[in-house]
Amino acid sequence: MSGYTKEPWIYEMEETFTGGILYDLRDTKNGSLLWYGRSASLERRAEVEANALLAIAAPELLEACRQQHKAIDTLFAMLIDCDKTFLPTRSGKPWEAFLAGNAAIAEAEKGD
């Protein structure tokens, strides 16, 4: 995936005079605006902050998914080398995790 702005990103939040919240994500290298949002109430502050922190972590999470995907693939290959009857598709949770990682990576890379 090459279409997104590389981290590090910064999250900024400001309370408005009407009691709402304005928030944005910015590229720390050049200050450019990556994402902007607003909330009408301060009650959602914790949710807004949690969403922003998740968005800030997105590039690192994507890279971690890629690395874990490669590791699981390598472990499957090693198991096949040890036991020629081993079928990754019948391994249960490991196979499900492999597919879930595939889907998450594909979703993140959509449109690239």
Protein backbone atom coordinates (compact mmCIF):
# COMPACT_ATOMS: atom_id res chain seq x y z
CA MET A 1 0.00 0.00 0.00
CA SER A 2 1.52 3.29 -1.00
CA GLY A 3 -1.47 5.61 -1.18
CA TYR A 4 -1.61 6.73 2.44
CA THR A 5 0.44 9.32 4.29
CA LYS A 6 3.17 7.63 6.29
CA GLU A 7 3.19 8.12 10.04
CA PRO A 8 3.86 9.80 12.37
CA TRP A 9 0.48 11.48 12.67
CA ILE A 10 -0.73 13.78 15.42
CA TYR A 11 -4.22 14.17 16.88
CA GLU A 12 -5.52 17.59 17.89
CA MET A 13 -8.80 18.35 19.62
CA GLU A 14 -10.45 21.63 20.54
CA GLU A 15 -13.62 22.36 22.48
CA THR A 16 -15.91 24.83 20.73
CA PHE A 17 -17.79 27.72 22.30
CA THR A 18 -21.06 25.82 21.61
CA GLY A 19 -19.95 22.84 23.70
CA GLY A 20 -18.88 20.57 20.87
CA ILE A 21 -15.55 19.14 19.81
CA LEU A 22 -13.47 19.74 16.69
CA TYR A 23 -10.73 17.21 16.01
CA ASP A 24 -8.25 16.44 13.29
CA LEU A 25 -5.33 14.24 12.36
CA ARG A 26 -2.26 15.90 10.89
CA ASP A 27 0.96 14.76 9.30
CA THR A 28 3.70 15.69 11.79
CA LYS A 29 6.24 16.17 9.02
CA ASN A 30 4.47 18.98 7.18
CA GLY A 31 1.36 19.75 9.24
CA SER A 32 -1.03 18.85 6.42
CA LEU A 33 -4.57 17.89 7.40
CA LEU A 34 -5.26 14.15 6.98
CA TRP A 35 -8.71 13.88 8.53
CA TYR A 36 -11.17 16.23 10.22
CA GLY A 37 -14.30 15.69 12.25
CA ARG A 38 -16.63 17.23 14.80
CA SER A 39 -18.94 16.15 17.56
CA ALA A 40 -21.87 18.13 18.89
CA SER A 41 -21.32 17.12 22.51
CA LEU A 42 -18.51 16.67 25.00
CA GLU A 43 -20.10 13.40 26.17
CA ARG A 44 -18.57 11.74 23.12
CA ARG A 45 -15.08 13.02 23.95
CA ALA A 46 -13.76 9.60 25.09
CA GLU A 47 -15.14 7.93 21.96
CA VAL A 48 -13.72 10.64 19.70
CA GLU A 49 -10.30 10.34 21.33
CA ALA A 50 -10.35 6.53 21.11
CA ASN A 51 -11.23 6.69 17.41
CA ALA A 52 -8.46 9.21 16.77
CA LEU A 53 -5.88 7.10 18.59
CA LEU A 54 -6.93 4.05 16.57
CA ALA A 55 -6.61 6.04 13.34
CA ILE A 56 -3.14 7.26 14.40
CA ALA A 57 -2.07 3.64 14.97
CA ALA A 58 -3.48 2.43 11.62
CA PRO A 59 -0.21 2.43 9.62
CA GLU A 60 1.60 0.49 12.36
CA LEU A 61 -1.32 -1.92 12.74
CA LEU A 62 -1.33 -2.58 9.00
CA GLU A 63 2.39 -3.32 9.01
CA ALA A 64 1.96 -5.62 12.04
CA CYS A 65 -0.81 -7.49 10.17
CA ARG A 66 1.49 -7.93 7.18
CA GLN A 67 4.32 -9.28 9.34
CA GLN A 68 2.03 -11.64 11.24
CA HIS A 69 0.54 -12.85 7.97
CA LYS A 70 4.02 -13.71 6.66
CA ALA A 71 4.90 -15.43 9.95
CA ILE A 72 1.76 -17.60 9.90
CA ASP A 73 2.42 -18.48 6.24
CA THR A 74 6.00 -19.48 7.12
CA LEU A 75 4.82 -21.59 10.06
CA PHE A 76 2.31 -23.37 7.82
CA ALA A 77 5.10 -24.16 5.36
CA MET A 78 7.30 -25.47 8.18
CA LEU A 79 4.48 -27.70 9.43
CA ILE A 80 3.91 -29.07 5.93
CA ASP A 81 7.65 -29.86 5.69
CA CYS A 82 7.42 -31.80 8.97
CA ASP A 83 4.15 -33.55 8.19
CA LYS A 84 3.18 -33.96 4.54
CA THR A 85 -0.41 -34.77 5.58
CA PHE A 86 -0.85 -31.40 7.34
CA LEU A 87 -3.45 -29.17 5.67
CA PRO A 88 -3.51 -25.52 6.79
CA THR A 89 -7.17 -25.25 5.79
CA ARG A 90 -8.02 -27.88 8.42
CA SER A 91 -6.02 -26.31 11.25
CA GLY A 92 -9.00 -24.41 12.71
CA LYS A 93 -8.13 -21.18 14.52
CA PRO A 94 -4.73 -20.67 12.84
CA TRP A 95 -6.35 -20.86 9.41
CA GLU A 96 -9.17 -18.54 10.51
CA ALA A 97 -6.58 -16.04 11.79
CA PHE A 98 -4.71 -16.29 8.49
CA LEU A 99 -7.90 -15.55 6.52
CA ALA A 100 -8.90 -12.71 8.86
CA GLY A 101 -5.47 -11.14 8.42
CA ASN A 102 -5.77 -11.49 4.65
CA ALA A 103 -9.16 -9.76 4.71
CA ALA A 104 -7.95 -6.94 6.97
CA ILE A 105 -4.93 -6.26 4.76
CA ALA A 106 -7.06 -6.34 1.61
CA GLU A 107 -9.56 -3.90 3.15
CA ALA A 108 -6.80 -1.50 4.18
CA GLU A 109 -5.20 -1.64 0.74
CA LYS A 110 -8.46 -1.19 -1.18
CA GLY A 111 -8.16 1.46 -3.85
CA ASP A 112 -4.39 1.33 -4.06
